[in-house]
mmCIF file of all heavy atoms, coordinates in Angstrom:
data_MODEL
# 
_entry.id   MODEL 
# 
loop_
_atom_site.group_PDB 
_atom_site.id 
_atom_site.type_symbol 
_atom_site.label_atom_id 
_atom_site.label_alt_id 
_atom_site.label_comp_id 
_atom_site.label_asym_id 
_atom_site.label_entity_id 
_atom_site.label_seq_id 
_atom_site.pdbx_PDB_ins_code 
_atom_site.Cartn_x 
_atom_site.Cartn_y 
_atom_site.Cartn_z 
_atom_site.occupancy 
_atom_site.B_iso_or_equiv 
_atom_site.pdbx_formal_charge 
_atom_site.auth_seq_id 
_atom_site.auth_comp_id 
_atom_site.auth_asym_id 
_atom_site.auth_atom_id 
_atom_site.pdbx_PDB_model_num 
ATOM 1   N N   . VAL A 1 1  ? 3.159   8.551   -1.536 1.00 0.00 ? 1  VAL A N   1 
ATOM 2   C CA  . VAL A 1 1  ? 3.019   7.363   -0.693 1.00 0.00 ? 1  VAL A CA  1 
ATOM 3   C C   . VAL A 1 1  ? 3.536   6.181   -1.513 1.00 0.00 ? 1  VAL A C   1 
ATOM 4   O O   . VAL A 1 1  ? 3.024   5.897   -2.586 1.00 0.00 ? 1  VAL A O   1 
ATOM 5   C CB  . VAL A 1 1  ? 1.553   7.107   -0.297 1.00 0.00 ? 1  VAL A CB  1 
ATOM 6   C CG1 . VAL A 1 1  ? 1.447   5.854   0.567  1.00 0.00 ? 1  VAL A CG1 1 
ATOM 7   C CG2 . VAL A 1 1  ? 0.971   8.314   0.424  1.00 0.00 ? 1  VAL A CG2 1 
ATOM 8   N N   . ILE A 1 2  ? 4.575   5.531   -1.021 1.00 0.00 ? 2  ILE A N   1 
ATOM 9   C CA  . ILE A 1 2  ? 5.185   4.437   -1.779 1.00 0.00 ? 2  ILE A CA  1 
ATOM 10  C C   . ILE A 1 2  ? 4.833   3.076   -1.170 1.00 0.00 ? 2  ILE A C   1 
ATOM 11  O O   . ILE A 1 2  ? 4.449   3.002   -0.006 1.00 0.00 ? 2  ILE A O   1 
ATOM 12  C CB  . ILE A 1 2  ? 6.733   4.582   -1.850 1.00 0.00 ? 2  ILE A CB  1 
ATOM 13  C CG1 . ILE A 1 2  ? 7.345   4.476   -0.459 1.00 0.00 ? 2  ILE A CG1 1 
ATOM 14  C CG2 . ILE A 1 2  ? 7.115   5.892   -2.511 1.00 0.00 ? 2  ILE A CG2 1 
ATOM 15  C CD1 . ILE A 1 2  ? 8.851   4.431   -0.456 1.00 0.00 ? 2  ILE A CD1 1 
ATOM 16  N N   . MET A 1 3  ? 4.959   2.042   -1.987 1.00 0.00 ? 3  MET A N   1 
ATOM 17  C CA  . MET A 1 3  ? 4.755   0.683   -1.492 1.00 0.00 ? 3  MET A CA  1 
ATOM 18  C C   . MET A 1 3  ? 5.849   0.385   -0.463 1.00 0.00 ? 3  MET A C   1 
ATOM 19  O O   . MET A 1 3  ? 7.026   0.361   -0.785 1.00 0.00 ? 3  MET A O   1 
ATOM 20  C CB  . MET A 1 3  ? 4.820   -0.316  -2.648 1.00 0.00 ? 3  MET A CB  1 
ATOM 21  C CG  . MET A 1 3  ? 4.750   -1.778  -2.201 1.00 0.00 ? 3  MET A CG  1 
ATOM 22  S SD  . MET A 1 3  ? 3.197   -2.236  -1.376 1.00 0.00 ? 3  MET A SD  1 
ATOM 23  C CE  . MET A 1 3  ? 2.069   -2.248  -2.786 1.00 0.00 ? 3  MET A CE  1 
ATOM 24  N N   . PRO A 1 4  ? 5.455   0.153   0.795  1.00 0.00 ? 4  PRO A N   1 
ATOM 25  C CA  . PRO A 1 4  ? 6.485   -0.052  1.838  1.00 0.00 ? 4  PRO A CA  1 
ATOM 26  C C   . PRO A 1 4  ? 7.137   -1.417  1.724  1.00 0.00 ? 4  PRO A C   1 
ATOM 27  O O   . PRO A 1 4  ? 6.567   -2.358  1.186  1.00 0.00 ? 4  PRO A O   1 
ATOM 28  C CB  . PRO A 1 4  ? 5.665   0.062   3.130  1.00 0.00 ? 4  PRO A CB  1 
ATOM 29  C CG  . PRO A 1 4  ? 4.287   -0.366  2.750  1.00 0.00 ? 4  PRO A CG  1 
ATOM 30  C CD  . PRO A 1 4  ? 4.084   0.094   1.340  1.00 0.00 ? 4  PRO A CD  1 
ATOM 31  N N   . LYS A 1 5  ? 8.330   -1.524  2.262  1.00 0.00 ? 5  LYS A N   1 
ATOM 32  C CA  . LYS A 1 5  ? 9.031   -2.804  2.335  1.00 0.00 ? 5  LYS A CA  1 
ATOM 33  C C   . LYS A 1 5  ? 8.554   -3.512  3.598  1.00 0.00 ? 5  LYS A C   1 
ATOM 34  O O   . LYS A 1 5  ? 8.889   -3.112  4.703  1.00 0.00 ? 5  LYS A O   1 
ATOM 35  C CB  . LYS A 1 5  ? 10.546  -2.594  2.362  1.00 0.00 ? 5  LYS A CB  1 
ATOM 36  C CG  . LYS A 1 5  ? 11.351  -3.891  2.254  1.00 0.00 ? 5  LYS A CG  1 
ATOM 37  C CD  . LYS A 1 5  ? 12.827  -3.595  2.133  1.00 0.00 ? 5  LYS A CD  1 
ATOM 38  C CE  . LYS A 1 5  ? 13.659  -4.854  2.020  1.00 0.00 ? 5  LYS A CE  1 
ATOM 39  N NZ  . LYS A 1 5  ? 13.322  -5.644  0.804  1.00 0.00 ? 5  LYS A NZ  1 
ATOM 40  N N   . MET A 1 6  ? 7.807   -4.596  3.428  1.00 0.00 ? 6  MET A N   1 
ATOM 41  C CA  . MET A 1 6  ? 7.150   -5.258  4.541  1.00 0.00 ? 6  MET A CA  1 
ATOM 42  C C   . MET A 1 6  ? 8.022   -6.327  5.195  1.00 0.00 ? 6  MET A C   1 
ATOM 43  O O   . MET A 1 6  ? 7.601   -6.954  6.153  1.00 0.00 ? 6  MET A O   1 
ATOM 44  C CB  . MET A 1 6  ? 5.848   -5.899  4.057  1.00 0.00 ? 6  MET A CB  1 
ATOM 45  C CG  . MET A 1 6  ? 4.911   -4.944  3.335  1.00 0.00 ? 6  MET A CG  1 
ATOM 46  S SD  . MET A 1 6  ? 4.326   -3.631  4.409  1.00 0.00 ? 6  MET A SD  1 
ATOM 47  C CE  . MET A 1 6  ? 3.288   -4.557  5.506  1.00 0.00 ? 6  MET A CE  1 
ATOM 48  N N   . GLY A 1 7  ? 9.190   -6.552  4.661  1.00 0.00 ? 7  GLY A N   1 
ATOM 49  C CA  . GLY A 1 7  ? 10.093  -7.554  5.227  1.00 0.00 ? 7  GLY A CA  1 
ATOM 50  C C   . GLY A 1 7  ? 11.297  -7.736  4.332  1.00 0.00 ? 7  GLY A C   1 
ATOM 51  O O   . GLY A 1 7  ? 11.320  -7.267  3.195  1.00 0.00 ? 7  GLY A O   1 
ATOM 52  N N   . GLU A 1 8  ? 12.307  -8.419  4.856  1.00 0.00 ? 8  GLU A N   1 
ATOM 53  C CA  . GLU A 1 8  ? 13.560  -8.564  4.120  1.00 0.00 ? 8  GLU A CA  1 
ATOM 54  C C   . GLU A 1 8  ? 13.381  -9.289  2.796  1.00 0.00 ? 8  GLU A C   1 
ATOM 55  O O   . GLU A 1 8  ? 14.012  -8.983  1.806  1.00 0.00 ? 8  GLU A O   1 
ATOM 56  C CB  . GLU A 1 8  ? 14.585  -9.326  4.986  1.00 0.00 ? 8  GLU A CB  1 
ATOM 57  C CG  . GLU A 1 8  ? 15.126  -8.511  6.150  1.00 0.00 ? 8  GLU A CG  1 
ATOM 58  C CD  . GLU A 1 8  ? 15.865  -7.263  5.702  1.00 0.00 ? 8  GLU A CD  1 
ATOM 59  O OE1 . GLU A 1 8  ? 16.548  -7.313  4.652  1.00 0.00 ? 8  GLU A OE1 1 
ATOM 60  O OE2 . GLU A 1 8  ? 15.760  -6.221  6.377  1.00 0.00 ? 8  GLU A OE2 1 
ATOM 61  N N   . SER A 1 9  ? 12.467  -10.277 2.769  1.00 0.00 ? 9  SER A N   1 
ATOM 62  C CA  . SER A 1 9  ? 12.280  -11.087 1.562  1.00 0.00 ? 9  SER A CA  1 
ATOM 63  C C   . SER A 1 9  ? 11.129  -10.608 0.691  1.00 0.00 ? 9  SER A C   1 
ATOM 64  O O   . SER A 1 9  ? 10.811  -11.235 -0.310 1.00 0.00 ? 9  SER A O   1 
ATOM 65  C CB  . SER A 1 9  ? 12.063  -12.560 1.957  1.00 0.00 ? 9  SER A CB  1 
ATOM 66  O OG  . SER A 1 9  ? 10.891  -12.696 2.739  1.00 0.00 ? 9  SER A OG  1 
ATOM 67  N N   . ILE A 1 10 ? 10.488  -9.525  1.084  1.00 0.00 ? 10 ILE A N   1 
ATOM 68  C CA  . ILE A 1 10 ? 9.299   -9.039  0.348  1.00 0.00 ? 10 ILE A CA  1 
ATOM 69  C C   . ILE A 1 10 ? 9.745   -8.060  -0.731 1.00 0.00 ? 10 ILE A C   1 
ATOM 70  O O   . ILE A 1 10 ? 10.430  -7.067  -0.446 1.00 0.00 ? 10 ILE A O   1 
ATOM 71  C CB  . ILE A 1 10 ? 8.297   -8.354  1.299  1.00 0.00 ? 10 ILE A CB  1 
ATOM 72  C CG1 . ILE A 1 10 ? 7.932   -9.279  2.461  1.00 0.00 ? 10 ILE A CG1 1 
ATOM 73  C CG2 . ILE A 1 10 ? 7.063   -7.931  0.533  1.00 0.00 ? 10 ILE A CG2 1 
ATOM 74  C CD1 . ILE A 1 10 ? 7.282   -10.571 2.039  1.00 0.00 ? 10 ILE A CD1 1 
ATOM 75  N N   . THR A 1 11 ? 9.382   -8.324  -1.973 1.00 0.00 ? 11 THR A N   1 
ATOM 76  C CA  . THR A 1 11 ? 9.762   -7.452  -3.100 1.00 0.00 ? 11 THR A CA  1 
ATOM 77  C C   . THR A 1 11 ? 8.594   -6.683  -3.691 1.00 0.00 ? 11 THR A C   1 
ATOM 78  O O   . THR A 1 11 ? 8.803   -5.739  -4.434 1.00 0.00 ? 11 THR A O   1 
ATOM 79  C CB  . THR A 1 11 ? 10.420  -8.284  -4.227 1.00 0.00 ? 11 THR A CB  1 
ATOM 80  O OG1 . THR A 1 11 ? 9.493   -9.272  -4.677 1.00 0.00 ? 11 THR A OG1 1 
ATOM 81  C CG2 . THR A 1 11 ? 11.686  -8.960  -3.724 1.00 0.00 ? 11 THR A CG2 1 
ATOM 82  N N   . ASP A 1 12 ? 7.370   -7.101  -3.395 1.00 0.00 ? 12 ASP A N   1 
ATOM 83  C CA  . ASP A 1 12 ? 6.195   -6.374  -3.895 1.00 0.00 ? 12 ASP A CA  1 
ATOM 84  C C   . ASP A 1 12 ? 5.016   -6.633  -2.996 1.00 0.00 ? 12 ASP A C   1 
ATOM 85  O O   . ASP A 1 12 ? 5.080   -7.411  -2.049 1.00 0.00 ? 12 ASP A O   1 
ATOM 86  C CB  . ASP A 1 12 ? 5.882   -6.792  -5.346 1.00 0.00 ? 12 ASP A CB  1 
ATOM 87  C CG  . ASP A 1 12 ? 5.655   -8.292  -5.483 1.00 0.00 ? 12 ASP A CG  1 
ATOM 88  O OD1 . ASP A 1 12 ? 5.230   -8.937  -4.507 1.00 0.00 ? 12 ASP A OD1 1 
ATOM 89  O OD2 . ASP A 1 12 ? 5.894   -8.834  -6.578 1.00 0.00 ? 12 ASP A OD2 1 
ATOM 90  N N   . GLY A 1 13 ? 3.931   -5.946  -3.267 1.00 0.00 ? 13 GLY A N   1 
ATOM 91  C CA  . GLY A 1 13 ? 2.700   -6.106  -2.486 1.00 0.00 ? 13 GLY A CA  1 
ATOM 92  C C   . GLY A 1 13 ? 1.500   -5.935  -3.371 1.00 0.00 ? 13 GLY A C   1 
ATOM 93  O O   . GLY A 1 13 ? 1.542   -5.306  -4.422 1.00 0.00 ? 13 GLY A O   1 
ATOM 94  N N   . THR A 1 14 ? 0.375   -6.490  -2.940 1.00 0.00 ? 14 THR A N   1 
ATOM 95  C CA  . THR A 1 14 ? -0.883  -6.409  -3.674 1.00 0.00 ? 14 THR A CA  1 
ATOM 96  C C   . THR A 1 14 ? -1.828  -5.456  -2.952 1.00 0.00 ? 14 THR A C   1 
ATOM 97  O O   . THR A 1 14 ? -2.021  -5.571  -1.730 1.00 0.00 ? 14 THR A O   1 
ATOM 98  C CB  . THR A 1 14 ? -1.554  -7.784  -3.802 1.00 0.00 ? 14 THR A CB  1 
ATOM 99  O OG1 . THR A 1 14 ? -0.651  -8.688  -4.438 1.00 0.00 ? 14 THR A OG1 1 
ATOM 100 C CG2 . THR A 1 14 ? -2.833  -7.700  -4.605 1.00 0.00 ? 14 THR A CG2 1 
ATOM 101 N N   . ILE A 1 15 ? -2.391  -4.510  -3.686 1.00 0.00 ? 15 ILE A N   1 
ATOM 102 C CA  . ILE A 1 15 ? -3.367  -3.586  -3.098 1.00 0.00 ? 15 ILE A CA  1 
ATOM 103 C C   . ILE A 1 15 ? -4.667  -4.362  -2.862 1.00 0.00 ? 15 ILE A C   1 
ATOM 104 O O   . ILE A 1 15 ? -5.303  -4.860  -3.779 1.00 0.00 ? 15 ILE A O   1 
ATOM 105 C CB  . ILE A 1 15 ? -3.655  -2.400  -4.044 1.00 0.00 ? 15 ILE A CB  1 
ATOM 106 C CG1 . ILE A 1 15 ? -2.347  -1.677  -4.411 1.00 0.00 ? 15 ILE A CG1 1 
ATOM 107 C CG2 . ILE A 1 15 ? -4.639  -1.437  -3.397 1.00 0.00 ? 15 ILE A CG2 1 
ATOM 108 C CD1 . ILE A 1 15 ? -1.636  -1.052  -3.247 1.00 0.00 ? 15 ILE A CD1 1 
ATOM 109 N N   . LEU A 1 16 ? -5.073  -4.487  -1.587 1.00 0.00 ? 16 LEU A N   1 
ATOM 110 C CA  . LEU A 1 16 ? -6.284  -5.223  -1.242 1.00 0.00 ? 16 LEU A CA  1 
ATOM 111 C C   . LEU A 1 16 ? -7.482  -4.308  -1.038 1.00 0.00 ? 16 LEU A C   1 
ATOM 112 O O   . LEU A 1 16 ? -8.594  -4.653  -1.443 1.00 0.00 ? 16 LEU A O   1 
ATOM 113 C CB  . LEU A 1 16 ? -6.061  -6.044  0.035  1.00 0.00 ? 16 LEU A CB  1 
ATOM 114 C CG  . LEU A 1 16 ? -4.945  -7.102  -0.019 1.00 0.00 ? 16 LEU A CG  1 
ATOM 115 C CD1 . LEU A 1 16 ? -4.876  -7.851  1.306  1.00 0.00 ? 16 LEU A CD1 1 
ATOM 116 C CD2 . LEU A 1 16 ? -5.196  -8.068  -1.166 1.00 0.00 ? 16 LEU A CD2 1 
ATOM 117 N N   . GLU A 1 17 ? -7.244  -3.137  -0.444 1.00 0.00 ? 17 GLU A N   1 
ATOM 118 C CA  . GLU A 1 17 ? -8.375  -2.256  -0.157 1.00 0.00 ? 17 GLU A CA  1 
ATOM 119 C C   . GLU A 1 17 ? -7.909  -0.813  0.057  1.00 0.00 ? 17 GLU A C   1 
ATOM 120 O O   . GLU A 1 17 ? -6.927  -0.579  0.767  1.00 0.00 ? 17 GLU A O   1 
ATOM 121 C CB  . GLU A 1 17 ? -9.119  -2.729  1.087  1.00 0.00 ? 17 GLU A CB  1 
ATOM 122 C CG  . GLU A 1 17 ? -10.300 -1.881  1.492  1.00 0.00 ? 17 GLU A CG  1 
ATOM 123 C CD  . GLU A 1 17 ? -10.931 -2.288  2.809  1.00 0.00 ? 17 GLU A CD  1 
ATOM 124 O OE1 . GLU A 1 17 ? -10.395 -3.202  3.456  1.00 0.00 ? 17 GLU A OE1 1 
ATOM 125 O OE2 . GLU A 1 17 ? -11.943 -1.683  3.184  1.00 0.00 ? 17 GLU A OE2 1 
ATOM 126 N N   . TRP A 1 18 ? -8.593  0.118   -0.583 1.00 0.00 ? 18 TRP A N   1 
ATOM 127 C CA  . TRP A 1 18 ? -8.412  1.543   -0.273 1.00 0.00 ? 18 TRP A CA  1 
ATOM 128 C C   . TRP A 1 18 ? -9.567  1.959   0.632  1.00 0.00 ? 18 TRP A C   1 
ATOM 129 O O   . TRP A 1 18 ? -10.731 1.846   0.241  1.00 0.00 ? 18 TRP A O   1 
ATOM 130 C CB  . TRP A 1 18 ? -8.438  2.395   -1.549 1.00 0.00 ? 18 TRP A CB  1 
ATOM 131 C CG  . TRP A 1 18 ? -7.190  2.281   -2.386 1.00 0.00 ? 18 TRP A CG  1 
ATOM 132 C CD1 . TRP A 1 18 ? -7.038  1.585   -3.535 1.00 0.00 ? 18 TRP A CD1 1 
ATOM 133 C CD2 . TRP A 1 18 ? -5.934  2.906   -2.131 1.00 0.00 ? 18 TRP A CD2 1 
ATOM 134 N NE1 . TRP A 1 18 ? -5.756  1.707   -4.009 1.00 0.00 ? 18 TRP A NE1 1 
ATOM 135 C CE2 . TRP A 1 18 ? -5.051  2.520   -3.174 1.00 0.00 ? 18 TRP A CE2 1 
ATOM 136 C CE3 . TRP A 1 18 ? -5.448  3.727   -1.108 1.00 0.00 ? 18 TRP A CE3 1 
ATOM 137 C CZ2 . TRP A 1 18 ? -3.730  2.932   -3.222 1.00 0.00 ? 18 TRP A CZ2 1 
ATOM 138 C CZ3 . TRP A 1 18 ? -4.127  4.156   -1.169 1.00 0.00 ? 18 TRP A CZ3 1 
ATOM 139 C CH2 . TRP A 1 18 ? -3.294  3.766   -2.216 1.00 0.00 ? 18 TRP A CH2 1 
ATOM 140 N N   . ARG A 1 19 ? -9.247  2.415   1.830  1.00 0.00 ? 19 ARG A N   1 
ATOM 141 C CA  . ARG A 1 19 ? -10.290 2.807   2.775  1.00 0.00 ? 19 ARG A CA  1 
ATOM 142 C C   . ARG A 1 19 ? -10.653 4.285   2.670  1.00 0.00 ? 19 ARG A C   1 
ATOM 143 O O   . ARG A 1 19 ? -11.508 4.773   3.399  1.00 0.00 ? 19 ARG A O   1 
ATOM 144 C CB  . ARG A 1 19 ? -9.847  2.464   4.207  1.00 0.00 ? 19 ARG A CB  1 
ATOM 145 C CG  . ARG A 1 19 ? -9.619  0.970   4.380  1.00 0.00 ? 19 ARG A CG  1 
ATOM 146 C CD  . ARG A 1 19 ? -9.241  0.601   5.786  1.00 0.00 ? 19 ARG A CD  1 
ATOM 147 N NE  . ARG A 1 19 ? -9.034  -0.846  5.878  1.00 0.00 ? 19 ARG A NE  1 
ATOM 148 C CZ  . ARG A 1 19 ? -8.632  -1.471  6.985  1.00 0.00 ? 19 ARG A CZ  1 
ATOM 149 N NH1 . ARG A 1 19 ? -8.395  -0.766  8.070  1.00 0.00 ? 19 ARG A NH1 1 
ATOM 150 N NH2 . ARG A 1 19 ? -8.459  -2.782  6.981  1.00 0.00 ? 19 ARG A NH2 1 
ATOM 151 N N   . LYS A 1 20 ? -9.941  4.977   1.794  1.00 0.00 ? 20 LYS A N   1 
ATOM 152 C CA  . LYS A 1 20 ? -10.249 6.354   1.485  1.00 0.00 ? 20 LYS A CA  1 
ATOM 153 C C   . LYS A 1 20 ? -10.335 6.491   -0.031 1.00 0.00 ? 20 LYS A C   1 
ATOM 154 O O   . LYS A 1 20 ? -9.700  5.743   -0.776 1.00 0.00 ? 20 LYS A O   1 
ATOM 155 C CB  . LYS A 1 20 ? -9.154  7.283   2.023  1.00 0.00 ? 20 LYS A CB  1 
ATOM 156 C CG  . LYS A 1 20 ? -9.050  7.315   3.541  1.00 0.00 ? 20 LYS A CG  1 
ATOM 157 C CD  . LYS A 1 20 ? -10.224 8.058   4.180  1.00 0.00 ? 20 LYS A CD  1 
ATOM 158 C CE  . LYS A 1 20 ? -10.024 8.180   5.675  1.00 0.00 ? 20 LYS A CE  1 
ATOM 159 N NZ  . LYS A 1 20 ? -11.129 8.953   6.328  1.00 0.00 ? 20 LYS A NZ  1 
ATOM 160 N N   . LYS A 1 21 ? -11.118 7.453   -0.468 1.00 0.00 ? 21 LYS A N   1 
ATOM 161 C CA  . LYS A 1 21 ? -11.199 7.736   -1.898 1.00 0.00 ? 21 LYS A CA  1 
ATOM 162 C C   . LYS A 1 21 ? -10.590 9.102   -2.184 1.00 0.00 ? 21 LYS A C   1 
ATOM 163 O O   . LYS A 1 21 ? -10.356 9.890   -1.252 1.00 0.00 ? 21 LYS A O   1 
ATOM 164 C CB  . LYS A 1 21 ? -12.649 7.683   -2.388 1.00 0.00 ? 21 LYS A CB  1 
ATOM 165 C CG  . LYS A 1 21 ? -13.585 8.676   -1.739 1.00 0.00 ? 21 LYS A CG  1 
ATOM 166 C CD  . LYS A 1 21 ? -14.988 8.505   -2.276 1.00 0.00 ? 21 LYS A CD  1 
ATOM 167 C CE  . LYS A 1 21 ? -15.953 9.547   -1.686 1.00 0.00 ? 21 LYS A CE  1 
ATOM 168 N NZ  . LYS A 1 21 ? -16.138 9.392   -0.245 1.00 0.00 ? 21 LYS A NZ  1 
ATOM 169 N N   . VAL A 1 22 ? -10.308 9.345   -3.449 1.00 0.00 ? 22 VAL A N   1 
ATOM 170 C CA  . VAL A 1 22 ? -9.716  10.609  -3.843 1.00 0.00 ? 22 VAL A CA  1 
ATOM 171 C C   . VAL A 1 22 ? -10.609 11.768  -3.378 1.00 0.00 ? 22 VAL A C   1 
ATOM 172 O O   . VAL A 1 22 ? -11.819 11.752  -3.576 1.00 0.00 ? 22 VAL A O   1 
ATOM 173 C CB  . VAL A 1 22 ? -9.524  10.662  -5.378 1.00 0.00 ? 22 VAL A CB  1 
ATOM 174 C CG1 . VAL A 1 22 ? -9.086  12.064  -5.810 1.00 0.00 ? 22 VAL A CG1 1 
ATOM 175 C CG2 . VAL A 1 22 ? -8.496  9.633   -5.816 1.00 0.00 ? 22 VAL A CG2 1 
ATOM 176 N N   . GLY A 1 23 ? -9.989  12.740  -2.720 1.00 0.00 ? 23 GLY A N   1 
ATOM 177 C CA  . GLY A 1 23 ? -10.718 13.882  -2.188 1.00 0.00 ? 23 GLY A CA  1 
ATOM 178 C C   . GLY A 1 23 ? -10.969 13.799  -0.698 1.00 0.00 ? 23 GLY A C   1 
ATOM 179 O O   . GLY A 1 23 ? -11.322 14.795  -0.073 1.00 0.00 ? 23 GLY A O   1 
ATOM 180 N N   . ASP A 1 24 ? -10.778 12.602  -0.098 1.00 0.00 ? 24 ASP A N   1 
ATOM 181 C CA  . ASP A 1 24 ? -10.985 12.440  1.343  1.00 0.00 ? 24 ASP A CA  1 
ATOM 182 C C   . ASP A 1 24 ? -9.796  12.969  2.123  1.00 0.00 ? 24 ASP A C   1 
ATOM 183 O O   . ASP A 1 24 ? -8.648  12.919  1.671  1.00 0.00 ? 24 ASP A O   1 
ATOM 184 C CB  . ASP A 1 24 ? -11.200 10.961  1.701  1.00 0.00 ? 24 ASP A CB  1 
ATOM 185 C CG  . ASP A 1 24 ? -12.559 10.446  1.277  1.00 0.00 ? 24 ASP A CG  1 
ATOM 186 O OD1 . ASP A 1 24 ? -13.404 11.277  0.878  1.00 0.00 ? 24 ASP A OD1 1 
ATOM 187 O OD2 . ASP A 1 24 ? -12.773 9.218   1.316  1.00 0.00 ? 24 ASP A OD2 1 
ATOM 188 N N   . PHE A 1 25 ? -10.098 13.463  3.325  1.00 0.00 ? 25 PHE A N   1 
ATOM 189 C CA  . PHE A 1 25 ? -9.035  13.909  4.245  1.00 0.00 ? 25 PHE A CA  1 
ATOM 190 C C   . PHE A 1 25 ? -8.510  12.700  5.006  1.00 0.00 ? 25 PHE A C   1 
ATOM 191 O O   . PHE A 1 25 ? -9.283  11.854  5.469  1.00 0.00 ? 25 PHE A O   1 
ATOM 192 C CB  . PHE A 1 25 ? -9.543  14.966  5.218  1.00 0.00 ? 25 PHE A CB  1 
ATOM 193 C CG  . PHE A 1 25 ? -8.473  15.489  6.154  1.00 0.00 ? 25 PHE A CG  1 
ATOM 194 C CD1 . PHE A 1 25 ? -7.580  16.445  5.718  1.00 0.00 ? 25 PHE A CD1 1 
ATOM 195 C CD2 . PHE A 1 25 ? -8.368  14.998  7.458  1.00 0.00 ? 25 PHE A CD2 1 
ATOM 196 C CE1 . PHE A 1 25 ? -6.590  16.917  6.578  1.00 0.00 ? 25 PHE A CE1 1 
ATOM 197 C CE2 . PHE A 1 25 ? -7.398  15.469  8.308  1.00 0.00 ? 25 PHE A CE2 1 
ATOM 198 C CZ  . PHE A 1 25 ? -6.499  16.435  7.861  1.00 0.00 ? 25 PHE A CZ  1 
# 
């Protein structure tokens, strides 16, 4: 799962929240 390109001028993104934890389906 890669950081998606959210727009033409967007070069990076900040992780705000993981709604799943490791091991979750």
